[in-house]
Amino acid sequence: QLLPQLQADWRAVLEPPLLDVLLILGRASALPGAAPLQPPLGDALVGLVSDAEIAAEPAASNRFWQLLATIRPHWALARIRAADLALARGELEASGRWLADPPAEALSNPWFFDVAARQAVAAGDVAAALDAWAEAIRIAQADPSSAPAEIFEQRCREARRGPGVLQVRSLTNRGEQAAALALLERLLVDDPQ
């Protein structure tokens, strides 16, 4: 009964009474021994706020995915979307919360590591970003249907040549020579050009 109302206007779920119904359904369906909803709640909700809706209404889309991730914290897709949208809005702390203690399903999704890498770049930790993109590339190459590895390779290359070089300079200016040298060596090994 909830789904047709949400399909008519997905933003209605952000306010009572539909918000209350979604909270009850989301939490009840996650309880051990609960009968699965038909169609599954995640499948029903995932198509409501896609890339087009996110582009058209970024603030409301962010609230929608934050809500879903809050209701279903073990749902990898909701956490990845929530972290990604928070990061896009510059909300590093909120994004970081969704990346912390990820469910096992998220750890097999290359997009989780892509968001973690972009979060690390935004936080000024290029080495952590390179590690995360390496994992995203590894997963994508092992399962080409999950995501094209070229996206992650390009983002990694851009991070090495942009923020990576800037971080080396920053570390040098702060007198952290050993850290600057270690990062520079990594950049050169990973990207000799």
N, C-alpha and C. Protein backbone atom coordinates (compact mmCIF):
# COMPACT_ATOMS: atom_id res chain seq x y z
N GLN A 1 0.83 -1.21 0.00
CA GLN A 1 0.00 0.00 0.00
C GLN A 1 0.86 1.26 0.00
N LEU A 2 2.04 1.17 0.59
CA LEU A 2 2.93 2.32 0.66
C LEU A 2 3.54 2.64 -0.70
N LEU A 3 3.88 1.62 -1.44
CA LEU A 3 4.63 1.81 -2.67
C LEU A 3 3.94 2.71 -3.69
N PRO A 4 2.64 2.54 -4.00
CA PRO A 4 2.02 3.45 -4.97
C PRO A 4 2.07 4.91 -4.55
N GLN A 5 1.97 5.16 -3.27
CA GLN A 5 2.04 6.54 -2.79
C GLN A 5 3.44 7.11 -3.00
N LEU A 6 4.46 6.27 -2.76
CA LEU A 6 5.83 6.73 -2.96
C LEU A 6 6.15 6.90 -4.43
N GLN A 7 5.59 6.05 -5.27
CA GLN A 7 5.83 6.18 -6.70
C GLN A 7 5.20 7.45 -7.24
N ALA A 8 4.11 7.88 -6.63
CA ALA A 8 3.47 9.12 -7.06
C ALA A 8 4.34 10.33 -6.70
N ASP A 9 4.96 10.30 -5.52
CA ASP A 9 5.85 11.39 -5.09
C ASP A 9 6.77 10.86 -4.00
N TRP A 10 7.99 10.50 -4.37
CA TRP A 10 8.93 9.90 -3.42
C TRP A 10 9.28 10.85 -2.27
N ARG A 11 9.18 12.15 -2.48
CA ARG A 11 9.52 13.11 -1.43
C ARG A 11 8.56 13.03 -0.24
N ALA A 12 7.37 12.45 -0.47
CA ALA A 12 6.38 12.33 0.61
C ALA A 12 6.89 11.46 1.75
N VAL A 13 7.83 10.57 1.46
CA VAL A 13 8.34 9.68 2.51
C VAL A 13 9.22 10.43 3.51
N LEU A 14 9.61 11.63 3.18
CA LEU A 14 10.46 12.42 4.08
C LEU A 14 9.67 13.11 5.18
N GLU A 15 8.33 13.02 5.11
CA GLU A 15 7.47 13.68 6.10
C GLU A 15 6.42 12.68 6.62
N PRO A 16 5.95 12.88 7.87
CA PRO A 16 4.85 12.04 8.35
C PRO A 16 3.62 12.27 7.46
N PRO A 17 2.76 11.32 7.30
CA PRO A 17 2.68 10.02 7.95
C PRO A 17 3.47 8.93 7.22
N LEU A 18 3.86 9.16 5.95
CA LEU A 18 4.57 8.11 5.21
C LEU A 18 5.93 7.80 5.83
N LEU A 19 6.57 8.79 6.41
CA LEU A 19 7.84 8.55 7.09
C LEU A 19 7.66 7.55 8.22
N ASP A 20 6.60 7.72 8.99
CA ASP A 20 6.33 6.80 10.10
C ASP A 20 6.09 5.37 9.60
N VAL A 21 5.35 5.25 8.51
CA VAL A 21 5.06 3.93 7.95
C VAL A 21 6.35 3.28 7.46
N LEU A 22 7.19 4.06 6.78
CA LEU A 22 8.45 3.51 6.29
C LEU A 22 9.36 3.08 7.44
N LEU A 23 9.40 3.87 8.49
CA LEU A 23 10.21 3.51 9.66
C LEU A 23 9.73 2.18 10.26
N ILE A 24 8.44 2.04 10.39
CA ILE A 24 7.89 0.81 10.96
C ILE A 24 8.19 -0.37 10.05
N LEU A 25 7.92 -0.23 8.75
CA LEU A 25 8.18 -1.32 7.80
C LEU A 25 9.66 -1.67 7.74
N GLY A 26 10.49 -0.65 7.69
CA GLY A 26 11.92 -0.88 7.56
C GLY A 26 12.50 -1.60 8.76
N ARG A 27 12.11 -1.19 9.92
CA ARG A 27 12.64 -1.82 11.12
C ARG A 27 12.03 -3.19 11.36
N ALA A 28 10.72 -3.33 11.09
CA ALA A 28 10.06 -4.61 11.31
C ALA A 28 10.59 -5.67 10.34
N SER A 29 10.83 -5.30 9.11
CA SER A 29 11.30 -6.28 8.12
C SER A 29 12.75 -6.69 8.38
N ALA A 30 13.48 -5.92 9.16
CA ALA A 30 14.87 -6.25 9.47
C ALA A 30 15.00 -7.12 10.72
N LEU A 31 13.90 -7.34 11.43
CA LEU A 31 13.96 -8.15 12.64
C LEU A 31 14.22 -9.61 12.29
N PRO A 32 14.98 -10.31 13.14
CA PRO A 32 15.20 -11.74 12.90
C PRO A 32 13.88 -12.50 12.89
N GLY A 33 13.70 -13.36 11.90
CA GLY A 33 12.49 -14.15 11.80
C GLY A 33 11.33 -13.45 11.14
N ALA A 34 11.50 -12.19 10.75
CA ALA A 34 10.41 -11.45 10.10
C ALA A 34 10.19 -12.00 8.70
N ALA A 35 8.95 -12.07 8.30
CA ALA A 35 8.63 -12.51 6.94
C ALA A 35 9.08 -11.44 5.96
N PRO A 36 9.73 -11.84 4.87
CA PRO A 36 10.20 -10.84 3.91
C PRO A 36 9.04 -10.14 3.23
N LEU A 37 9.21 -8.85 3.01
CA LEU A 37 8.19 -8.08 2.32
C LEU A 37 8.19 -8.45 0.84
N GLN A 38 7.03 -8.40 0.22
CA GLN A 38 6.93 -8.65 -1.21
C GLN A 38 6.29 -7.46 -1.88
N PRO A 39 6.92 -6.77 -2.80
CA PRO A 39 8.31 -6.99 -3.17
C PRO A 39 9.23 -6.57 -2.03
N PRO A 40 10.49 -7.05 -2.05
CA PRO A 40 11.42 -6.65 -0.99
C PRO A 40 11.51 -5.13 -0.87
N LEU A 41 11.57 -4.67 0.36
CA LEU A 41 11.57 -3.23 0.61
C LEU A 41 12.68 -2.52 -0.15
N GLY A 42 13.89 -3.07 -0.11
CA GLY A 42 15.00 -2.43 -0.80
C GLY A 42 14.76 -2.32 -2.28
N ASP A 43 14.28 -3.41 -2.90
CA ASP A 43 14.02 -3.39 -4.35
C ASP A 43 12.96 -2.36 -4.70
N ALA A 44 11.96 -2.24 -3.85
CA ALA A 44 10.89 -1.29 -4.11
C ALA A 44 11.37 0.16 -4.00
N LEU A 45 12.28 0.41 -3.06
CA LEU A 45 12.72 1.78 -2.81
C LEU A 45 13.86 2.24 -3.70
N VAL A 46 14.71 1.30 -4.13
CA VAL A 46 15.93 1.68 -4.82
C VAL A 46 15.65 2.44 -6.12
N GLY A 47 14.59 2.09 -6.81
CA GLY A 47 14.30 2.75 -8.08
C GLY A 47 13.62 4.11 -7.93
N LEU A 48 13.18 4.44 -6.73
CA LEU A 48 12.45 5.69 -6.54
C LEU A 48 13.34 6.91 -6.71
N VAL A 49 14.56 6.84 -6.20
CA VAL A 49 15.46 8.00 -6.24
C VAL A 49 16.74 7.57 -6.93
N SER A 50 16.73 7.70 -8.23
CA SER A 50 17.87 7.30 -9.05
C SER A 50 18.71 8.53 -9.38
N ASP A 51 19.63 8.37 -10.32
CA ASP A 51 20.54 9.46 -10.68
C ASP A 51 19.80 10.71 -11.17
N ALA A 52 18.71 10.51 -11.91
CA ALA A 52 17.95 11.67 -12.42
C ALA A 52 17.35 12.47 -11.27
N GLU A 53 16.76 11.77 -10.30
CA GLU A 53 16.17 12.46 -9.15
C GLU A 53 17.25 13.13 -8.29
N ILE A 54 18.39 12.45 -8.18
CA ILE A 54 19.50 13.02 -7.40
C ILE A 54 19.98 14.32 -8.04
N ALA A 55 20.09 14.33 -9.35
CA ALA A 55 20.54 15.54 -10.05
C ALA A 55 19.51 16.65 -9.93
N ALA A 56 18.24 16.29 -10.00
CA ALA A 56 17.18 17.31 -9.94
C ALA A 56 16.97 17.86 -8.53
N GLU A 57 17.09 17.01 -7.53
CA GLU A 57 16.82 17.43 -6.15
C GLU A 57 17.87 16.84 -5.21
N PRO A 58 19.09 17.40 -5.23
CA PRO A 58 20.16 16.80 -4.43
C PRO A 58 19.92 16.81 -2.92
N ALA A 59 19.34 17.86 -2.39
CA ALA A 59 19.13 17.93 -0.94
C ALA A 59 18.10 16.89 -0.49
N ALA A 60 16.98 16.81 -1.19
CA ALA A 60 15.95 15.84 -0.82
C ALA A 60 16.44 14.41 -1.05
N SER A 61 17.19 14.20 -2.13
CA SER A 61 17.74 12.88 -2.41
C SER A 61 18.70 12.45 -1.31
N ASN A 62 19.51 13.39 -0.86
CA ASN A 62 20.44 13.11 0.23
C ASN A 62 19.67 12.70 1.48
N ARG A 63 18.63 13.44 1.81
CA ARG A 63 17.83 13.09 2.99
C ARG A 63 17.18 11.72 2.83
N PHE A 64 16.71 11.39 1.63
CA PHE A 64 16.08 10.09 1.37
C PHE A 64 17.05 8.95 1.62
N TRP A 65 18.26 9.04 1.04
CA TRP A 65 19.22 7.95 1.19
C TRP A 65 19.79 7.89 2.60
N GLN A 66 19.93 9.04 3.27
CA GLN A 66 20.36 9.04 4.67
C GLN A 66 19.31 8.32 5.53
N LEU A 67 18.04 8.58 5.22
CA LEU A 67 16.94 7.92 5.94
C LEU A 67 16.99 6.41 5.74
N LEU A 68 17.15 5.98 4.48
CA LEU A 68 17.19 4.53 4.21
C LEU A 68 18.38 3.87 4.90
N ALA A 69 19.51 4.54 4.88
CA ALA A 69 20.70 3.98 5.54
C ALA A 69 20.52 3.93 7.06
N THR A 70 19.78 4.86 7.60
CA THR A 70 19.51 4.86 9.03
C THR A 70 18.56 3.72 9.40
N ILE A 71 17.52 3.54 8.59
CA ILE A 71 16.54 2.49 8.85
C ILE A 71 17.16 1.11 8.67
N ARG A 72 17.95 0.94 7.62
CA ARG A 72 18.55 -0.36 7.29
C ARG A 72 20.06 -0.23 7.24
N PRO A 73 20.75 -0.13 8.37
CA PRO A 73 22.19 0.11 8.37
C PRO A 73 23.02 -1.02 7.77
N HIS A 74 22.44 -2.20 7.61
CA HIS A 74 23.19 -3.31 7.01
C HIS A 74 22.93 -3.42 5.51
N TRP A 75 22.18 -2.48 4.95
CA TRP A 75 21.91 -2.47 3.52
C TRP A 75 23.05 -1.70 2.84
N ALA A 76 23.91 -2.43 2.16
CA ALA A 76 25.13 -1.84 1.58
C ALA A 76 24.82 -0.72 0.60
N LEU A 77 23.85 -0.92 -0.28
CA LEU A 77 23.55 0.11 -1.28
C LEU A 77 23.13 1.41 -0.62
N ALA A 78 22.28 1.33 0.38
CA ALA A 78 21.83 2.55 1.06
C ALA A 78 23.00 3.27 1.71
N ARG A 79 23.91 2.51 2.32
CA ARG A 79 25.06 3.15 2.97
C ARG A 79 25.99 3.79 1.95
N ILE A 80 26.21 3.11 0.83
CA ILE A 80 27.09 3.66 -0.20
C ILE A 80 26.49 4.93 -0.78
N ARG A 81 25.20 4.89 -1.10
CA ARG A 81 24.53 6.09 -1.63
C ARG A 81 24.54 7.22 -0.61
N ALA A 82 24.24 6.91 0.64
CA ALA A 82 24.21 7.94 1.68
C ALA A 82 25.59 8.58 1.83
N ALA A 83 26.63 7.76 1.84
CA ALA A 83 28.00 8.29 1.97
C ALA A 83 28.36 9.13 0.75
N ASP A 84 28.01 8.66 -0.43
CA ASP A 84 28.34 9.37 -1.66
C ASP A 84 27.63 10.72 -1.74
N LEU A 85 26.35 10.75 -1.41
CA LEU A 85 25.60 12.00 -1.48
C LEU A 85 26.05 12.99 -0.40
N ALA A 86 26.37 12.50 0.77
CA ALA A 86 26.89 13.38 1.82
C ALA A 86 28.23 13.97 1.39
N LEU A 87 29.07 13.13 0.79
CA LEU A 87 30.37 13.59 0.30
C LEU A 87 30.20 14.65 -0.78
N ALA A 88 29.26 14.44 -1.69
CA ALA A 88 29.01 15.41 -2.76
C ALA A 88 28.58 16.75 -2.20
N ARG A 89 27.96 16.75 -1.05
CA ARG A 89 27.51 18.00 -0.42
C ARG A 89 28.59 18.58 0.50
N GLY A 90 29.74 17.92 0.57
CA GLY A 90 30.83 18.41 1.41
C GLY A 90 30.66 18.05 2.88
N GLU A 91 29.77 17.12 3.18
CA GLU A 91 29.52 16.70 4.56
C GLU A 91 30.42 15.51 4.87
N LEU A 92 31.70 15.80 5.12
CA LEU A 92 32.69 14.74 5.30
C LEU A 92 32.40 13.88 6.53
N GLU A 93 31.95 14.49 7.59
CA GLU A 93 31.68 13.72 8.81
C GLU A 93 30.54 12.73 8.59
N ALA A 94 29.46 13.20 7.96
CA ALA A 94 28.32 12.31 7.68
C ALA A 94 28.73 11.20 6.72
N SER A 95 29.48 11.55 5.71
CA SER A 95 29.95 10.54 4.76
C SER A 95 30.81 9.50 5.46
N GLY A 96 31.70 9.96 6.31
CA GLY A 96 32.58 9.05 7.04
C GLY A 96 31.83 8.09 7.94
N ARG A 97 30.72 8.56 8.53
CA ARG A 97 29.93 7.67 9.39
C ARG A 97 29.38 6.49 8.61
N TRP A 98 28.95 6.72 7.38
CA TRP A 98 28.38 5.63 6.58
C TRP A 98 29.45 4.69 6.06
N LEU A 99 30.68 5.15 6.00
CA LEU A 99 31.78 4.29 5.55
C LEU A 99 32.37 3.46 6.68
N ALA A 100 32.13 3.88 7.91
CA ALA A 100 32.67 3.17 9.07
C ALA A 100 31.89 1.89 9.32
N ASP A 101 32.60 0.84 9.73
CA ASP A 101 31.99 -0.45 10.05
C ASP A 101 31.01 -0.92 8.97
N PRO A 102 31.50 -1.08 7.74
CA PRO A 102 30.59 -1.45 6.65
C PRO A 102 30.12 -2.89 6.76
N PRO A 103 28.92 -3.18 6.24
CA PRO A 103 28.48 -4.57 6.20
C PRO A 103 29.33 -5.34 5.18
N ALA A 104 29.37 -6.65 5.31
CA ALA A 104 30.20 -7.49 4.44
C ALA A 104 29.88 -7.27 2.96
N GLU A 105 28.61 -7.07 2.66
CA GLU A 105 28.21 -6.86 1.26
C GLU A 105 28.87 -5.62 0.67
N ALA A 106 29.06 -4.60 1.47
CA ALA A 106 29.70 -3.37 0.97
C ALA A 106 31.16 -3.63 0.61
N LEU A 107 31.80 -4.53 1.35
CA LEU A 107 33.22 -4.79 1.11
C LEU A 107 33.46 -5.58 -0.18
N SER A 108 32.41 -6.04 -0.82
CA SER A 108 32.57 -6.70 -2.11
C SER A 108 32.06 -5.81 -3.24
N ASN A 109 31.76 -4.57 -2.93
CA ASN A 109 31.25 -3.61 -3.91
C ASN A 109 32.33 -2.57 -4.21
N PRO A 110 32.78 -2.47 -5.47
CA PRO A 110 33.85 -1.52 -5.77
C PRO A 110 33.43 -0.06 -5.54
N TRP A 111 32.14 0.23 -5.64
CA TRP A 111 31.69 1.61 -5.43
C TRP A 111 31.88 2.03 -3.97
N PHE A 112 31.80 1.10 -3.05
CA PHE A 112 32.08 1.43 -1.65
C PHE A 112 33.51 1.98 -1.53
N PHE A 113 34.46 1.29 -2.16
CA PHE A 113 35.85 1.72 -2.07
C PHE A 113 36.11 3.00 -2.87
N ASP A 114 35.33 3.21 -3.92
CA ASP A 114 35.44 4.47 -4.67
C ASP A 114 35.02 5.65 -3.78
N VAL A 115 33.90 5.50 -3.09
CA VAL A 115 33.45 6.57 -2.19
C VAL A 115 34.47 6.76 -1.07
N ALA A 116 34.98 5.66 -0.53
CA ALA A 116 35.99 5.76 0.54
C ALA A 116 37.23 6.48 0.03
N ALA A 117 37.62 6.23 -1.21
CA ALA A 117 38.79 6.89 -1.78
C ALA A 117 38.55 8.39 -1.94
N ARG A 118 37.39 8.74 -2.48
CA ARG A 118 37.09 10.17 -2.65
C ARG A 118 36.96 10.87 -1.31
N GLN A 119 36.45 10.16 -0.32
CA GLN A 119 36.37 10.70 1.06
C GLN A 119 37.79 10.96 1.57
N ALA A 120 38.69 10.01 1.34
CA ALA A 120 40.08 10.16 1.81
C ALA A 120 40.76 11.34 1.12
N VAL A 121 40.53 11.52 -0.17
CA VAL A 121 41.11 12.67 -0.88
C VAL A 121 40.58 13.96 -0.27
N ALA A 122 39.27 14.01 -0.02
CA ALA A 122 38.68 15.22 0.56
C ALA A 122 39.23 15.49 1.95
N ALA A 123 39.59 14.43 2.67
CA ALA A 123 40.15 14.58 4.02
C ALA A 123 41.66 14.81 3.99
N GLY A 124 42.26 14.78 2.79
CA GLY A 124 43.69 15.05 2.68
C GLY A 124 44.58 13.84 2.89
N ASP A 125 44.04 12.64 2.73
CA ASP A 125 44.84 11.43 2.92
C ASP A 125 44.94 10.68 1.59
N VAL A 126 45.85 11.12 0.75
CA VAL A 126 45.98 10.56 -0.60
C VAL A 126 46.41 9.09 -0.55
N ALA A 127 47.28 8.73 0.37
CA ALA A 127 47.73 7.34 0.47
C ALA A 127 46.55 6.41 0.74
N ALA A 128 45.67 6.78 1.64
CA ALA A 128 44.48 5.97 1.93
C ALA A 128 43.57 5.91 0.71
N ALA A 129 43.48 7.01 -0.02
CA ALA A 129 42.67 7.03 -1.23
C ALA A 129 43.22 6.07 -2.27
N LEU A 130 44.53 6.06 -2.45
CA LEU A 130 45.14 5.16 -3.43
C LEU A 130 44.91 3.70 -3.04
N ASP A 131 44.98 3.41 -1.74
CA ASP A 131 44.70 2.04 -1.27
C ASP A 131 43.26 1.65 -1.58
N ALA A 132 42.32 2.57 -1.33
CA ALA A 132 40.91 2.28 -1.56
C ALA A 132 40.63 2.09 -3.06
N TRP A 133 41.23 2.93 -3.89
CA TRP A 133 41.00 2.76 -5.33
C TRP A 133 41.65 1.47 -5.83
N ALA A 134 42.77 1.09 -5.26
CA ALA A 134 43.39 -0.18 -5.66
C ALA A 134 42.43 -1.34 -5.37
N GLU A 135 41.75 -1.28 -4.24
CA GLU A 135 40.78 -2.32 -3.90
C GLU A 135 39.57 -2.26 -4.84
N ALA A 136 39.10 -1.07 -5.16
CA ALA A 136 37.98 -0.93 -6.11
C ALA A 136 38.36 -1.51 -7.47
N ILE A 137 39.57 -1.24 -7.92
CA ILE A 137 40.04 -1.77 -9.21
C ILE A 137 40.13 -3.28 -9.15
N ARG A 138 40.66 -3.82 -8.05
CA ARG A 138 40.79 -5.27 -7.91
C ARG A 138 39.42 -5.95 -7.99
N ILE A 139 38.45 -5.41 -7.27
CA ILE A 139 37.10 -6.00 -7.27
C ILE A 139 36.47 -5.88 -8.65
N ALA A 140 36.61 -4.72 -9.28
CA ALA A 140 36.01 -4.51 -10.60
C ALA A 140 36.64 -5.41 -11.65
N GLN A 141 37.93 -5.64 -11.55
CA GLN A 141 38.58 -6.53 -12.52
C GLN A 141 38.18 -7.98 -12.30
N ALA A 142 37.93 -8.37 -11.05
CA ALA A 142 37.51 -9.74 -10.74
C ALA A 142 36.07 -9.99 -11.19
N ASP A 143 35.24 -8.95 -11.15
CA ASP A 143 33.84 -9.08 -11.54
C ASP A 143 33.48 -7.90 -12.44
N PRO A 144 33.78 -8.00 -13.75
CA PRO A 144 33.55 -6.87 -14.65
C PRO A 144 32.10 -6.39 -14.70
N SER A 145 31.15 -7.23 -14.29
CA SER A 145 29.76 -6.79 -14.30
C SER A 145 29.47 -5.80 -13.17
N SER A 146 30.36 -5.71 -12.17
CA SER A 146 30.10 -4.83 -11.02
C SER A 146 30.35 -3.36 -11.35
N ALA A 147 31.38 -3.07 -12.11
CA ALA A 147 31.70 -1.68 -12.48
C ALA A 147 32.92 -1.71 -13.39
N PRO A 148 33.02 -0.74 -14.28
CA PRO A 148 34.22 -0.70 -15.12
C PRO A 148 35.43 -0.20 -14.33
N ALA A 149 36.48 -0.98 -14.32
CA ALA A 149 37.70 -0.63 -13.57
C ALA A 149 38.32 0.66 -14.09
N GLU A 150 38.07 1.00 -15.35
CA GLU A 150 38.67 2.21 -15.94
C GLU A 150 38.27 3.48 -15.19
N ILE A 151 37.05 3.49 -14.67
CA ILE A 151 36.60 4.67 -13.91
C ILE A 151 37.51 4.88 -12.70
N PHE A 152 37.76 3.80 -11.98
CA PHE A 152 38.57 3.89 -10.77
C PHE A 152 40.04 4.16 -11.11
N GLU A 153 40.52 3.58 -12.20
CA GLU A 153 41.90 3.84 -12.62
C GLU A 153 42.08 5.31 -12.96
N GLN A 154 41.11 5.91 -13.66
CA GLN A 154 41.18 7.33 -14.02
C GLN A 154 41.15 8.21 -12.77
N ARG A 155 40.26 7.93 -11.85
CA ARG A 155 40.17 8.72 -10.62
C ARG A 155 41.45 8.60 -9.80
N CYS A 156 42.01 7.41 -9.77
CA CYS A 156 43.25 7.17 -9.03
C CYS A 156 44.40 7.97 -9.67
N ARG A 157 44.46 7.93 -10.99
CA ARG A 157 45.51 8.67 -11.72
C ARG A 157 45.39 10.17 -11.45
N GLU A 158 44.17 10.68 -11.51
CA GLU A 158 43.95 12.11 -11.25
C GLU A 158 44.35 12.48 -9.82
N ALA A 159 44.07 11.60 -8.87
CA ALA A 159 44.43 11.87 -7.48
C ALA A 159 45.94 11.87 -7.29
N ARG A 160 46.62 10.94 -7.95
CA ARG A 160 48.09 10.91 -7.84
C ARG A 160 48.70 12.18 -8.41
N ARG A 161 48.21 12.63 -9.54
CA ARG A 161 48.81 13.76 -10.25
C ARG A 161 48.35 15.11 -9.72
N GLY A 162 47.25 15.15 -9.03
CA GLY A 162 46.74 16.41 -8.49
C GLY A 162 46.93 16.48 -6.98
N PRO A 163 45.94 15.99 -6.22
CA PRO A 163 46.03 16.05 -4.76
C PRO A 163 47.27 15.35 -4.20
N GLY A 164 47.74 14.29 -4.86
CA GLY A 164 48.94 13.59 -4.37
C GLY A 164 50.16 14.49 -4.38
N VAL A 165 50.37 15.17 -5.49
CA VAL A 165 51.52 16.09 -5.60
C VAL A 165 51.37 17.24 -4.61
N LEU A 166 50.15 17.75 -4.48
CA LEU A 166 49.91 18.84 -3.53
C LEU A 166 50.16 18.39 -2.09
N GLN A 167 49.80 17.16 -1.78
CA GLN A 167 50.04 16.68 -0.42
C GLN A 167 51.53 16.51 -0.15
N VAL A 168 52.29 16.05 -1.15
CA VAL A 168 53.75 15.96 -0.99
C VAL A 168 54.31 17.34 -0.68
N ARG A 169 53.86 18.34 -1.42
CA ARG A 169 54.32 19.72 -1.21
C ARG A 169 53.94 20.21 0.18
N SER A 170 52.71 19.91 0.61
CA SER A 170 52.26 20.34 1.93
C SER A 170 53.08 19.68 3.04
N LEU A 171 53.32 18.38 2.90
CA LEU A 171 54.12 17.68 3.90
C LEU A 171 55.53 18.25 3.97
N THR A 172 56.10 18.56 2.82
CA THR A 172 57.45 19.15 2.78
C THR A 172 57.46 20.51 3.46
N ASN A 173 56.47 21.33 3.16
CA ASN A 173 56.40 22.67 3.76
C ASN A 173 56.21 22.62 5.27
N ARG A 174 55.58 21.55 5.77
CA ARG A 174 55.39 21.41 7.22
C ARG A 174 56.59 20.75 7.89
N GLY A 175 57.58 20.39 7.08
CA GLY A 175 58.79 19.78 7.63
C GLY A 175 58.68 18.29 7.86
N GLU A 176 57.67 17.66 7.30
CA GLU A 176 57.48 16.22 7.46
C GLU A 176 58.14 15.52 6.27
N GLN A 177 59.46 15.57 6.27
CA GLN A 177 60.23 15.08 5.12
C GLN A 177 60.04 13.58 4.88
N ALA A 178 60.05 12.77 5.93
CA ALA A 178 59.93 11.32 5.76
C ALA A 178 58.58 10.96 5.14
N ALA A 179 57.50 11.57 5.62
CA ALA A 179 56.17 11.31 5.08
C ALA A 179 56.07 11.79 3.64
N ALA A 180 56.65 12.95 3.36
CA ALA A 180 56.63 13.49 1.99
C ALA A 180 57.38 12.56 1.04
N LEU A 181 58.55 12.09 1.48
CA LEU A 181 59.35 11.19 0.64
C LEU A 181 58.63 9.87 0.40
N ALA A 182 58.01 9.32 1.43
CA ALA A 182 57.29 8.05 1.28
C ALA A 182 56.13 8.19 0.29
N LEU A 183 55.39 9.28 0.39
CA LEU A 183 54.28 9.49 -0.53
C LEU A 183 54.79 9.74 -1.94
N LEU A 184 55.83 10.53 -2.08
CA LEU A 184 56.40 10.79 -3.40
C LEU A 184 56.89 9.51 -4.07
N GLU A 185 57.56 8.67 -3.30
CA GLU A 185 58.03 7.39 -3.85
C GLU A 185 56.85 6.54 -4.32
N ARG A 186 55.80 6.52 -3.53
CA ARG A 186 54.62 5.75 -3.94
C ARG A 186 54.00 6.31 -5.22
N LEU A 187 53.90 7.62 -5.30
CA LEU A 187 53.35 8.24 -6.50
C LEU A 187 54.17 7.89 -7.73
N LEU A 188 55.49 7.92 -7.58
CA LEU A 188 56.38 7.63 -8.71
C LEU A 188 56.32 6.15 -9.11
N VAL A 189 56.24 5.26 -8.12
CA VAL A 189 56.14 3.83 -8.44
C VAL A 189 54.82 3.53 -9.14
N ASP A 190 53.73 4.10 -8.62
CA ASP A 190 52.41 3.84 -9.18
C ASP A 190 52.21 4.51 -10.54
N ASP A 191 52.87 5.65 -10.74
CA ASP A 191 52.63 6.45 -11.95
C ASP A 191 53.94 7.09 -12.42
N PRO A 192 54.82 6.33 -13.06
CA PRO A 192 56.14 6.85 -13.45
C PRO A 192 56.05 8.05 -14.39
N GLN A 193 54.96 8.19 -15.11
CA GLN A 193 54.84 9.33 -16.04
C GLN A 193 54.67 10.63 -15.29
